[in-house]
């Protein structure tokens, strides 16, 4: 995969009227059981807007996290 050349500075993002979201997926081991977790974060406000968890690798995990973020999101 090719790395994008565009970078967003924190100062430019904070002064902008727009926001940027990132999605992170992690596997967390708890009590010997792996949990898959997807988080959606607004880079401008540093808030977690949506999340989803599953015990197994779920192909809809990220979609569910983004859908939750869209329903909870308040325009910044």
Protein backbone atom coordinates (compact mmCIF):
# COMPACT_ATOMS: atom_id res chain seq x y z
CA UNK A 1 0.00 0.00 0.00
CA UNK A 2 1.28 3.44 -0.88
CA UNK A 3 1.63 6.02 1.90
CA UNK A 4 -0.26 9.28 1.21
CA UNK A 5 1.81 12.45 0.86
CA UNK A 6 -0.80 14.70 2.45
CA UNK A 7 -0.37 15.50 6.14
CA UNK A 8 -2.83 17.36 8.34
CA UNK A 9 -1.34 19.67 10.94
CA UNK A 10 -3.09 19.99 14.29
CA UNK A 11 -3.12 23.78 14.02
CA UNK A 12 -4.73 23.73 10.57
CA UNK A 13 -7.32 21.22 11.73
CA UNK A 14 -8.27 23.21 14.83
CA UNK A 15 -8.69 26.43 12.85
CA UNK A 16 -10.71 24.68 10.14
CA UNK A 17 -14.47 24.36 10.18
CA UNK A 18 -14.15 20.71 9.17
CA UNK A 19 -13.20 17.66 11.21
CA UNK A 20 -11.19 14.55 10.39
CA UNK A 21 -11.97 11.10 11.70
CA UNK A 22 -9.64 8.14 12.10
CA UNK A 23 -10.50 4.50 12.72
CA UNK A 24 -8.30 2.18 14.75
CA UNK A 25 -8.79 -1.56 15.11
CA UNK A 26 -7.15 -3.53 17.91
CA UNK A 27 -7.23 -7.00 19.42
CA UNK A 28 -7.33 -6.95 23.20
CA UNK A 29 -6.67 -10.11 25.22
CA UNK A 30 -8.78 -10.32 28.36
CA UNK A 31 -9.07 -13.42 30.57
CA UNK A 32 -7.53 -15.50 27.80
CA UNK A 33 -10.16 -14.40 25.27
CA UNK A 34 -9.34 -12.09 22.34
CA UNK A 35 -11.70 -9.15 21.78
CA UNK A 36 -11.69 -7.22 18.52
CA UNK A 37 -12.36 -3.52 19.01
CA UNK A 38 -12.83 -0.70 16.48
CA UNK A 39 -12.75 2.97 17.59
CA UNK A 40 -13.63 6.09 15.62
CA UNK A 41 -11.97 9.28 16.88
CA UNK A 42 -12.42 12.91 15.84
CA UNK A 43 -8.92 14.37 15.48
CA UNK A 44 -10.13 17.92 16.05
CA UNK A 45 -11.84 17.34 19.39
CA UNK A 46 -9.92 14.19 20.39
CA UNK A 47 -13.29 12.56 21.25
CA UNK A 48 -14.11 8.91 20.63
CA UNK A 49 -17.27 9.11 18.56
CA UNK A 50 -18.05 5.45 18.01
CA UNK A 51 -16.90 1.98 18.87
CA UNK A 52 -17.79 -1.65 18.32
CA UNK A 53 -16.51 -4.89 19.83
CA UNK A 54 -16.70 -8.55 18.87
CA UNK A 55 -15.28 -11.80 20.18
CA UNK A 56 -14.38 -13.04 16.69
CA UNK A 57 -13.06 -11.33 13.59
CA UNK A 58 -16.25 -9.66 12.37
CA UNK A 59 -16.23 -8.13 8.87
CA UNK A 60 -18.86 -5.58 9.95
CA UNK A 61 -16.89 -4.35 12.99
CA UNK A 62 -15.57 -1.12 11.43
CA UNK A 63 -18.88 -0.41 9.72
CA UNK A 64 -20.75 -0.67 13.02
CA UNK A 65 -18.25 1.67 14.71
CA UNK A 66 -18.58 4.27 11.94
CA UNK A 67 -22.39 4.01 11.96
CA UNK A 68 -22.41 4.62 15.72
CA UNK A 69 -20.08 7.62 15.26
CA UNK A 70 -22.37 9.07 12.60
CA UNK A 71 -25.44 8.83 14.82
CA UNK A 72 -23.63 10.35 17.82
CA UNK A 73 -21.59 12.97 16.01
CA UNK A 74 -22.19 16.64 16.69
CA UNK A 75 -20.77 18.95 14.05
CA UNK A 76 -17.70 20.65 15.47
